[in-house]
Amino acid sequence: MYSTLANFLAHAVALETEAGERYRELADVMEVHNNPEVAAMFARMAEFSAMHAAEVTARAGAHGPLPRLKSWEFKWETTEPPEVGDSADTHYRMTPRHALQYALANERRGWEFYNHAATHAPLPEIRDLARDFADEEAEHVRTLEHWLESTPPPDHDWADDPDPANVVD
């Protein structure tokens, strides 16, 4: 777990920052594949992640410098931070509904991460801050669930491409 508040905050900053970076990458990929609607959604998610990262970073600033952790020093349950979705869960022809489902899964994992810290961290200041962050993630989850409700499901043939990419090795 986290032995210090600074260590927990270093995890939180990395979680939020790397989520934004992944969304920016996905927005670029979707733009290249002429999927502008999903590219715009991922760009919007990148902006939200950047805003949340800035909020976490600002709160962290009050606690002094954060440790600079090496990649193997992070205590994630997965190989990447919880809000960084697996790019294998994307498709260049994915629809807005798919993008929202992808983002929702990321936010739920973020909530689980913070909720776990809020209930299991050894220090009360970590638990309190993690509870605040978990509440924010819960709000993100509710927002995405609401958006998902108003987003139509894709056609059954959404992945069909009459002119698939041809890559020559």
N, C-alpha and C. Protein backbone atom coordinates (compact mmCIF):
# COMPACT_ATOMS: atom_id res chain seq x y z
N MET A 1 0.86 -1.18 0.00
CA MET A 1 0.00 0.00 0.00
C MET A 1 0.90 1.24 0.00
N TYR A 2 0.40 2.33 0.43
CA TYR A 2 1.11 3.60 0.37
C TYR A 2 1.57 3.98 1.76
N SER A 3 2.87 4.12 1.91
CA SER A 3 3.43 4.42 3.23
C SER A 3 3.35 5.90 3.57
N THR A 4 3.21 6.75 2.54
CA THR A 4 3.12 8.19 2.78
C THR A 4 2.05 8.81 1.88
N LEU A 5 1.59 9.97 2.29
CA LEU A 5 0.63 10.70 1.48
C LEU A 5 1.27 11.09 0.14
N ALA A 6 2.54 11.47 0.17
CA ALA A 6 3.24 11.86 -1.06
C ALA A 6 3.29 10.70 -2.05
N ASN A 7 3.50 9.49 -1.55
CA ASN A 7 3.55 8.32 -2.42
C ASN A 7 2.17 8.07 -3.04
N PHE A 8 1.11 8.19 -2.25
CA PHE A 8 -0.24 8.04 -2.78
C PHE A 8 -0.52 9.10 -3.85
N LEU A 9 -0.16 10.34 -3.57
CA LEU A 9 -0.39 11.42 -4.52
C LEU A 9 0.40 11.22 -5.82
N ALA A 10 1.61 10.68 -5.71
CA ALA A 10 2.39 10.38 -6.92
C ALA A 10 1.64 9.37 -7.78
N HIS A 11 1.00 8.40 -7.15
CA HIS A 11 0.18 7.43 -7.88
C HIS A 11 -1.01 8.12 -8.53
N ALA A 12 -1.68 8.98 -7.79
CA ALA A 12 -2.87 9.66 -8.31
C ALA A 12 -2.52 10.55 -9.51
N VAL A 13 -1.43 11.28 -9.41
CA VAL A 13 -1.01 12.15 -10.52
C VAL A 13 -0.68 11.30 -11.75
N ALA A 14 0.04 10.21 -11.55
CA ALA A 14 0.39 9.34 -12.68
C ALA A 14 -0.86 8.73 -13.30
N LEU A 15 -1.79 8.29 -12.47
CA LEU A 15 -3.03 7.69 -12.96
C LEU A 15 -3.76 8.66 -13.88
N GLU A 16 -3.95 9.89 -13.42
CA GLU A 16 -4.71 10.87 -14.19
C GLU A 16 -3.94 11.34 -15.42
N THR A 17 -2.65 11.57 -15.28
CA THR A 17 -1.83 12.05 -16.39
C THR A 17 -1.76 11.02 -17.51
N GLU A 18 -1.50 9.77 -17.15
CA GLU A 18 -1.37 8.74 -18.17
C GLU A 18 -2.70 8.43 -18.84
N ALA A 19 -3.80 8.57 -18.12
CA ALA A 19 -5.12 8.39 -18.75
C ALA A 19 -5.31 9.43 -19.85
N GLY A 20 -4.96 10.67 -19.55
CA GLY A 20 -5.07 11.73 -20.56
C GLY A 20 -4.19 11.46 -21.77
N GLU A 21 -2.99 10.97 -21.52
CA GLU A 21 -2.09 10.66 -22.64
C GLU A 21 -2.67 9.56 -23.53
N ARG A 22 -3.26 8.52 -22.91
CA ARG A 22 -3.85 7.44 -23.71
C ARG A 22 -5.02 7.95 -24.53
N TYR A 23 -5.86 8.79 -23.93
CA TYR A 23 -6.99 9.34 -24.69
C TYR A 23 -6.51 10.20 -25.86
N ARG A 24 -5.43 10.97 -25.65
CA ARG A 24 -4.89 11.78 -26.76
C ARG A 24 -4.39 10.87 -27.89
N GLU A 25 -3.70 9.79 -27.51
CA GLU A 25 -3.23 8.83 -28.52
C GLU A 25 -4.40 8.24 -29.30
N LEU A 26 -5.45 7.87 -28.58
CA LEU A 26 -6.62 7.28 -29.25
C LEU A 26 -7.32 8.29 -30.14
N ALA A 27 -7.39 9.54 -29.70
CA ALA A 27 -7.98 10.58 -30.54
C ALA A 27 -7.19 10.71 -31.84
N ASP A 28 -5.87 10.68 -31.74
CA ASP A 28 -5.04 10.76 -32.94
C ASP A 28 -5.26 9.56 -33.87
N VAL A 29 -5.34 8.37 -33.30
CA VAL A 29 -5.56 7.16 -34.10
C VAL A 29 -6.90 7.25 -34.81
N MET A 30 -7.93 7.68 -34.09
CA MET A 30 -9.25 7.77 -34.71
C MET A 30 -9.28 8.84 -35.81
N GLU A 31 -8.54 9.90 -35.61
CA GLU A 31 -8.45 10.94 -36.64
C GLU A 31 -7.79 10.38 -37.89
N VAL A 32 -6.71 9.65 -37.73
CA VAL A 32 -6.01 9.05 -38.86
C VAL A 32 -6.92 8.09 -39.62
N HIS A 33 -7.78 7.39 -38.89
CA HIS A 33 -8.69 6.41 -39.51
C HIS A 33 -10.02 7.02 -39.93
N ASN A 34 -10.04 8.33 -40.00
CA ASN A 34 -11.24 9.05 -40.47
C ASN A 34 -12.49 8.68 -39.68
N ASN A 35 -12.32 8.68 -38.36
CA ASN A 35 -13.43 8.44 -37.45
C ASN A 35 -13.54 9.70 -36.57
N PRO A 36 -13.95 10.82 -37.16
CA PRO A 36 -13.89 12.10 -36.45
C PRO A 36 -14.78 12.19 -35.22
N GLU A 37 -15.92 11.53 -35.25
CA GLU A 37 -16.82 11.61 -34.10
C GLU A 37 -16.18 10.97 -32.86
N VAL A 38 -15.58 9.81 -33.03
CA VAL A 38 -14.93 9.14 -31.90
C VAL A 38 -13.63 9.86 -31.55
N ALA A 39 -12.93 10.38 -32.55
CA ALA A 39 -11.72 11.17 -32.27
C ALA A 39 -12.07 12.34 -31.37
N ALA A 40 -13.17 13.01 -31.66
CA ALA A 40 -13.60 14.15 -30.84
C ALA A 40 -13.96 13.71 -29.43
N MET A 41 -14.58 12.55 -29.30
CA MET A 41 -14.93 12.05 -27.97
C MET A 41 -13.67 11.75 -27.15
N PHE A 42 -12.70 11.10 -27.79
CA PHE A 42 -11.46 10.79 -27.08
C PHE A 42 -10.69 12.07 -26.76
N ALA A 43 -10.73 13.05 -27.64
CA ALA A 43 -10.08 14.33 -27.35
C ALA A 43 -10.74 15.00 -26.15
N ARG A 44 -12.06 14.90 -26.08
CA ARG A 44 -12.79 15.46 -24.94
C ARG A 44 -12.43 14.73 -23.65
N MET A 45 -12.32 13.40 -23.72
CA MET A 45 -11.91 12.63 -22.54
C MET A 45 -10.49 13.01 -22.12
N ALA A 46 -9.63 13.27 -23.09
CA ALA A 46 -8.26 13.70 -22.77
C ALA A 46 -8.29 15.03 -22.02
N GLU A 47 -9.16 15.94 -22.46
CA GLU A 47 -9.29 17.23 -21.76
C GLU A 47 -9.79 17.04 -20.34
N PHE A 48 -10.78 16.18 -20.15
CA PHE A 48 -11.29 15.91 -18.81
C PHE A 48 -10.19 15.32 -17.93
N SER A 49 -9.43 14.38 -18.48
CA SER A 49 -8.34 13.77 -17.72
C SER A 49 -7.28 14.80 -17.37
N ALA A 50 -6.97 15.68 -18.31
CA ALA A 50 -5.98 16.73 -18.04
C ALA A 50 -6.46 17.67 -16.93
N MET A 51 -7.76 18.01 -16.95
CA MET A 51 -8.29 18.87 -15.89
C MET A 51 -8.21 18.17 -14.54
N HIS A 52 -8.56 16.89 -14.52
CA HIS A 52 -8.50 16.16 -13.26
C HIS A 52 -7.05 16.00 -12.79
N ALA A 53 -6.14 15.76 -13.72
CA ALA A 53 -4.72 15.67 -13.37
C ALA A 53 -4.23 16.99 -12.78
N ALA A 54 -4.67 18.10 -13.36
CA ALA A 54 -4.27 19.42 -12.84
C ALA A 54 -4.82 19.64 -11.43
N GLU A 55 -6.04 19.20 -11.19
CA GLU A 55 -6.62 19.32 -9.85
C GLU A 55 -5.84 18.49 -8.84
N VAL A 56 -5.52 17.26 -9.20
CA VAL A 56 -4.77 16.38 -8.31
C VAL A 56 -3.37 16.95 -8.08
N THR A 57 -2.75 17.44 -9.14
CA THR A 57 -1.41 18.02 -9.02
C THR A 57 -1.42 19.24 -8.11
N ALA A 58 -2.45 20.06 -8.24
CA ALA A 58 -2.56 21.25 -7.38
C ALA A 58 -2.72 20.84 -5.92
N ARG A 59 -3.55 19.85 -5.67
CA ARG A 59 -3.72 19.38 -4.29
C ARG A 59 -2.43 18.78 -3.77
N ALA A 60 -1.71 18.11 -4.64
CA ALA A 60 -0.45 17.49 -4.23
C ALA A 60 0.60 18.55 -3.90
N GLY A 61 0.54 19.70 -4.57
CA GLY A 61 1.52 20.75 -4.34
C GLY A 61 1.56 21.23 -2.91
N ALA A 62 0.45 21.13 -2.21
CA ALA A 62 0.39 21.56 -0.81
C ALA A 62 1.16 20.61 0.11
N HIS A 63 1.55 19.47 -0.39
CA HIS A 63 2.22 18.46 0.44
C HIS A 63 3.70 18.32 0.10
N GLY A 64 4.23 19.30 -0.60
CA GLY A 64 5.65 19.26 -0.93
C GLY A 64 5.91 18.45 -2.18
N PRO A 65 7.18 18.30 -2.52
CA PRO A 65 7.51 17.58 -3.75
C PRO A 65 7.12 16.10 -3.64
N LEU A 66 6.64 15.59 -4.76
CA LEU A 66 6.26 14.18 -4.79
C LEU A 66 7.46 13.33 -5.20
N PRO A 67 7.48 12.09 -4.74
CA PRO A 67 8.58 11.21 -5.18
C PRO A 67 8.47 10.94 -6.67
N ARG A 68 9.61 10.79 -7.30
CA ARG A 68 9.63 10.45 -8.74
C ARG A 68 9.79 8.93 -8.82
N LEU A 69 8.67 8.26 -8.98
CA LEU A 69 8.67 6.80 -8.98
C LEU A 69 9.06 6.24 -10.35
N LYS A 70 9.81 5.17 -10.31
CA LYS A 70 10.12 4.43 -11.53
C LYS A 70 8.89 3.59 -11.89
N SER A 71 8.80 3.17 -13.12
CA SER A 71 7.60 2.44 -13.56
C SER A 71 7.33 1.20 -12.70
N TRP A 72 8.36 0.53 -12.26
CA TRP A 72 8.18 -0.70 -11.48
C TRP A 72 7.85 -0.42 -10.00
N GLU A 73 7.92 0.86 -9.59
CA GLU A 73 7.61 1.20 -8.21
C GLU A 73 6.13 1.51 -7.99
N PHE A 74 5.38 1.64 -9.06
CA PHE A 74 3.94 1.89 -8.91
C PHE A 74 3.26 0.61 -8.46
N LYS A 75 2.26 0.77 -7.62
CA LYS A 75 1.53 -0.37 -7.07
C LYS A 75 0.15 -0.48 -7.74
N TRP A 76 0.17 -0.80 -9.02
CA TRP A 76 -1.09 -0.98 -9.73
C TRP A 76 -1.46 -2.45 -9.69
N GLU A 77 -2.73 -2.74 -9.82
CA GLU A 77 -3.20 -4.12 -9.93
C GLU A 77 -2.98 -4.65 -11.35
N THR A 78 -2.80 -3.74 -12.29
CA THR A 78 -2.60 -4.09 -13.69
C THR A 78 -1.25 -3.54 -14.14
N THR A 79 -0.88 -3.80 -15.38
CA THR A 79 0.43 -3.34 -15.85
C THR A 79 0.48 -1.83 -16.05
N GLU A 80 -0.70 -1.20 -16.22
CA GLU A 80 -0.76 0.25 -16.40
C GLU A 80 -1.70 0.83 -15.34
N PRO A 81 -1.70 2.14 -15.18
CA PRO A 81 -2.62 2.74 -14.21
C PRO A 81 -4.08 2.36 -14.50
N PRO A 82 -4.90 2.30 -13.46
CA PRO A 82 -6.27 1.82 -13.61
C PRO A 82 -7.12 2.55 -14.65
N GLU A 83 -6.91 3.83 -14.86
CA GLU A 83 -7.74 4.57 -15.81
C GLU A 83 -7.19 4.55 -17.23
N VAL A 84 -6.11 3.83 -17.44
CA VAL A 84 -5.54 3.71 -18.78
C VAL A 84 -6.06 2.41 -19.37
N GLY A 85 -7.02 2.52 -20.24
CA GLY A 85 -7.61 1.34 -20.85
C GLY A 85 -6.66 0.66 -21.81
N ASP A 86 -6.94 -0.58 -22.04
CA ASP A 86 -6.15 -1.38 -22.98
C ASP A 86 -6.51 -0.97 -24.41
N SER A 87 -5.53 -0.60 -25.19
CA SER A 87 -5.81 -0.20 -26.56
C SER A 87 -6.35 -1.36 -27.39
N ALA A 88 -6.17 -2.59 -26.92
CA ALA A 88 -6.75 -3.75 -27.60
C ALA A 88 -8.28 -3.74 -27.51
N ASP A 89 -8.82 -2.92 -26.60
CA ASP A 89 -10.27 -2.80 -26.45
C ASP A 89 -10.85 -1.74 -27.37
N THR A 90 -10.06 -1.27 -28.31
CA THR A 90 -10.53 -0.26 -29.26
C THR A 90 -10.51 -0.85 -30.67
N HIS A 91 -11.18 -0.17 -31.55
CA HIS A 91 -11.24 -0.58 -32.95
C HIS A 91 -11.33 0.70 -33.77
N TYR A 92 -10.66 0.74 -34.89
CA TYR A 92 -10.62 1.98 -35.66
C TYR A 92 -11.99 2.40 -36.19
N ARG A 93 -12.96 1.49 -36.20
CA ARG A 93 -14.31 1.84 -36.63
C ARG A 93 -15.29 1.87 -35.46
N MET A 94 -14.76 1.92 -34.26
CA MET A 94 -15.64 1.93 -33.10
C MET A 94 -16.57 3.15 -33.15
N THR A 95 -17.69 3.03 -32.47
CA THR A 95 -18.71 4.07 -32.49
C THR A 95 -18.64 4.89 -31.20
N PRO A 96 -19.36 6.00 -31.14
CA PRO A 96 -19.39 6.77 -29.89
C PRO A 96 -19.81 5.93 -28.70
N ARG A 97 -20.74 5.01 -28.90
CA ARG A 97 -21.16 4.15 -27.79
C ARG A 97 -19.99 3.31 -27.29
N HIS A 98 -19.21 2.76 -28.21
CA HIS A 98 -18.03 1.99 -27.81
C HIS A 98 -17.04 2.87 -27.03
N ALA A 99 -16.84 4.08 -27.50
CA ALA A 99 -15.91 4.99 -26.83
C ALA A 99 -16.39 5.29 -25.41
N LEU A 100 -17.69 5.49 -25.25
CA LEU A 100 -18.23 5.74 -23.91
C LEU A 100 -18.09 4.51 -23.01
N GLN A 101 -18.30 3.34 -23.57
CA GLN A 101 -18.13 2.11 -22.79
C GLN A 101 -16.67 1.94 -22.35
N TYR A 102 -15.76 2.26 -23.26
CA TYR A 102 -14.33 2.20 -22.95
C TYR A 102 -14.00 3.17 -21.81
N ALA A 103 -14.47 4.40 -21.92
CA ALA A 103 -14.21 5.42 -20.90
C ALA A 103 -14.86 5.04 -19.58
N LEU A 104 -16.06 4.50 -19.63
CA LEU A 104 -16.77 4.08 -18.42
C LEU A 104 -15.99 3.00 -17.67
N ALA A 105 -15.48 2.03 -18.39
CA ALA A 105 -14.67 0.98 -17.76
C ALA A 105 -13.44 1.58 -17.09
N ASN A 106 -12.82 2.56 -17.75
CA ASN A 106 -11.64 3.22 -17.17
C ASN A 106 -12.01 3.95 -15.88
N GLU A 107 -13.10 4.69 -15.90
CA GLU A 107 -13.51 5.46 -14.73
C GLU A 107 -13.91 4.54 -13.58
N ARG A 108 -14.52 3.43 -13.90
CA ARG A 108 -14.87 2.47 -12.84
C ARG A 108 -13.61 1.90 -12.18
N ARG A 109 -12.60 1.61 -13.00
CA ARG A 109 -11.33 1.13 -12.41
C ARG A 109 -10.67 2.23 -11.58
N GLY A 110 -10.77 3.48 -12.02
CA GLY A 110 -10.24 4.59 -11.23
C GLY A 110 -10.96 4.69 -9.89
N TRP A 111 -12.30 4.56 -9.92
CA TRP A 111 -13.07 4.58 -8.67
C TRP A 111 -12.63 3.44 -7.75
N GLU A 112 -12.47 2.24 -8.31
CA GLU A 112 -12.05 1.09 -7.51
C GLU A 112 -10.69 1.34 -6.86
N PHE A 113 -9.77 1.93 -7.63
CA PHE A 113 -8.44 2.23 -7.09
C PHE A 113 -8.54 3.17 -5.89
N TYR A 114 -9.24 4.29 -6.08
CA TYR A 114 -9.35 5.26 -5.00
C TYR A 114 -10.19 4.73 -3.83
N ASN A 115 -11.24 3.99 -4.14
CA ASN A 115 -12.07 3.43 -3.08
C ASN A 115 -11.28 2.44 -2.23
N HIS A 116 -10.46 1.64 -2.89
CA HIS A 116 -9.62 0.69 -2.15
C HIS A 116 -8.68 1.44 -1.21
N ALA A 117 -8.05 2.49 -1.70
CA ALA A 117 -7.16 3.29 -0.85
C ALA A 117 -7.94 3.95 0.29
N ALA A 118 -9.18 4.37 0.01
CA ALA A 118 -10.00 5.03 1.02
C ALA A 118 -10.38 4.08 2.16
N THR A 119 -10.39 2.80 1.88
CA THR A 119 -10.78 1.84 2.92
C THR A 119 -9.61 1.06 3.49
N HIS A 120 -8.46 1.05 2.79
CA HIS A 120 -7.36 0.20 3.24
C HIS A 120 -6.04 0.92 3.53
N ALA A 121 -5.93 2.19 3.19
CA ALA A 121 -4.66 2.90 3.39
C ALA A 121 -4.35 2.98 4.89
N PRO A 122 -3.08 2.92 5.24
CA PRO A 122 -2.70 2.92 6.66
C PRO A 122 -2.85 4.27 7.37
N LEU A 123 -2.85 5.35 6.60
CA LEU A 123 -2.89 6.69 7.21
C LEU A 123 -4.23 7.36 6.97
N PRO A 124 -4.79 8.02 7.99
CA PRO A 124 -6.10 8.67 7.82
C PRO A 124 -6.09 9.76 6.75
N GLU A 125 -4.99 10.48 6.58
CA GLU A 125 -4.96 11.54 5.57
C GLU A 125 -5.01 10.97 4.15
N ILE A 126 -4.45 9.78 3.97
CA ILE A 126 -4.55 9.11 2.67
C ILE A 126 -5.99 8.65 2.45
N ARG A 127 -6.57 8.04 3.47
CA ARG A 127 -7.95 7.56 3.35
C ARG A 127 -8.90 8.71 3.03
N ASP A 128 -8.72 9.84 3.71
CA ASP A 128 -9.60 11.00 3.49
C ASP A 128 -9.47 11.53 2.06
N LEU A 129 -8.26 11.70 1.59
CA LEU A 129 -8.04 12.21 0.25
C LEU A 129 -8.52 11.20 -0.81
N ALA A 130 -8.24 9.94 -0.56
CA ALA A 130 -8.69 8.90 -1.49
C ALA A 130 -10.22 8.87 -1.56
N ARG A 131 -10.88 9.10 -0.44
CA ARG A 131 -12.34 9.15 -0.43
C ARG A 131 -12.84 10.31 -1.29
N ASP A 132 -12.18 11.46 -1.18
CA ASP A 132 -12.54 12.61 -2.04
C ASP A 132 -12.37 12.25 -3.52
N PHE A 133 -11.25 11.61 -3.86
CA PHE A 133 -10.98 11.24 -5.25
C PHE A 133 -11.98 10.18 -5.71
N ALA A 134 -12.32 9.24 -4.84
CA ALA A 134 -13.31 8.21 -5.20
C ALA A 134 -14.66 8.85 -5.46
N ASP A 135 -15.03 9.85 -4.68
CA ASP A 135 -16.29 10.55 -4.92
C ASP A 135 -16.30 11.24 -6.27
N GLU A 136 -15.17 11.85 -6.65
CA GLU A 136 -15.06 12.48 -7.97
C GLU A 136 -15.19 11.45 -9.08
N GLU A 137 -14.53 10.30 -8.90
CA GLU A 137 -14.61 9.24 -9.91
C GLU A 137 -16.04 8.70 -10.01
N ALA A 138 -16.72 8.60 -8.89
CA ALA A 138 -18.11 8.14 -8.91
C ALA A 138 -18.98 9.11 -9.72
N GLU A 139 -18.69 10.40 -9.61
CA GLU A 139 -19.43 11.39 -10.40
C GLU A 139 -19.12 11.21 -11.89
N HIS A 140 -17.87 10.93 -12.21
CA HIS A 140 -17.50 10.68 -13.61
C HIS A 140 -18.24 9.46 -14.14
N VAL A 141 -18.32 8.42 -13.32
CA VAL A 141 -19.04 7.20 -13.72
C VAL A 141 -20.50 7.52 -13.99
N ARG A 142 -21.14 8.26 -13.09
CA ARG A 142 -22.55 8.60 -13.29
C ARG A 142 -22.75 9.43 -14.56
N THR A 143 -21.85 10.36 -14.81
CA THR A 143 -21.94 11.19 -16.02
C THR A 143 -21.85 10.33 -17.27
N LEU A 144 -20.87 9.43 -17.30
CA LEU A 144 -20.71 8.57 -18.48
C LEU A 144 -21.88 7.62 -18.64
N GLU A 145 -22.42 7.11 -17.53
CA GLU A 145 -23.59 6.24 -17.62
C GLU A 145 -24.78 7.01 -18.22
N HIS A 146 -24.93 8.26 -17.82
CA HIS A 146 -26.00 9.10 -18.36
C HIS A 146 -25.80 9.31 -19.86
N TRP A 147 -24.58 9.65 -20.27
CA TRP A 147 -24.29 9.84 -21.69
C TRP A 147 -24.55 8.56 -22.47
N LEU A 148 -24.16 7.44 -21.88
CA LEU A 148 -24.32 6.15 -22.55
C LEU A 148 -25.80 5.84 -22.77
N GLU A 149 -26.64 6.18 -21.81
CA GLU A 149 -28.08 5.94 -21.95
C GLU A 149 -28.67 6.67 -23.15
N SER A 150 -28.11 7.83 -23.46
CA SER A 150 -28.66 8.61 -24.56
C SER A 150 -27.90 8.42 -25.88
N THR A 151 -27.01 7.45 -25.91
CA THR A 151 -26.23 7.18 -27.12
C THR A 151 -26.74 5.89 -27.75
N PRO A 152 -27.18 5.95 -28.99
CA PRO A 152 -27.75 4.75 -29.62
C PRO A 152 -26.71 3.65 -29.80
N PRO A 153 -27.18 2.41 -29.75
CA PRO A 153 -26.25 1.30 -30.00
C PRO A 153 -25.83 1.30 -31.46
N PRO A 154 -24.68 0.71 -31.74
CA PRO A 154 -24.21 0.67 -33.14
C PRO A 154 -25.01 -0.32 -33.96
N ASP A 155 -24.95 -0.13 -35.26
CA ASP A 155 -25.53 -1.11 -36.17
C ASP A 155 -24.78 -2.43 -35.99
N HIS A 156 -25.43 -3.52 -36.35
CA HIS A 156 -24.80 -4.83 -36.19
C HIS A 156 -23.53 -4.97 -37.04
N ASP A 157 -23.44 -4.22 -38.10
CA ASP A 157 -22.29 -4.33 -39.00
C ASP A 157 -21.30 -3.17 -38.85
N TRP A 158 -21.25 -2.58 -37.66
CA TRP A 158 -20.41 -1.40 -37.43
C TRP A 158 -18.95 -1.62 -37.79
N ALA A 159 -18.44 -2.83 -37.64
CA ALA A 159 -17.01 -3.08 -37.89
C ALA A 159 -16.69 -3.41 -39.34
N ASP A 160 -17.72 -3.59 -40.17
CA ASP A 160 -17.47 -3.91 -41.56
C ASP A 160 -16.81 -2.73 -42.27
N ASP A 161 -15.79 -3.03 -43.02
CA ASP A 161 -15.07 -1.99 -43.76
C ASP A 161 -14.97 -2.43 -45.22
N PRO A 162 -15.71 -1.75 -46.11
CA PRO A 162 -15.67 -2.15 -47.52
C PRO A 162 -14.32 -1.88 -48.18
N ASP A 163 -13.49 -1.08 -47.52
CA ASP A 163 -12.18 -0.76 -48.07
C ASP A 163 -11.15 -0.83 -46.93
N PRO A 164 -10.85 -2.05 -46.43
CA PRO A 164 -9.96 -2.17 -45.28
C PRO A 164 -8.53 -1.69 -45.60
N ALA A 165 -7.85 -1.30 -44.55
CA ALA A 165 -6.47 -0.85 -44.68
C ALA A 165 -5.62 -1.99 -45.22
N ASN A 166 -4.66 -1.64 -46.03
CA ASN A 166 -3.74 -2.61 -46.59
C ASN A 166 -2.34 -2.21 -46.19
N VAL A 167 -1.76 -3.00 -45.28
CA VAL A 167 -0.43 -2.69 -44.78
C VAL A 167 0.57 -3.65 -45.41
N VAL A 168 1.59 -3.10 -46.01
CA VAL A 168 2.64 -3.92 -46.62
C VAL A 168 3.84 -3.91 -45.68
N ASP A 169 4.30 -5.08 -45.34
CA ASP A 169 5.48 -5.18 -44.45
C ASP A 169 6.77 -5.07 -45.21
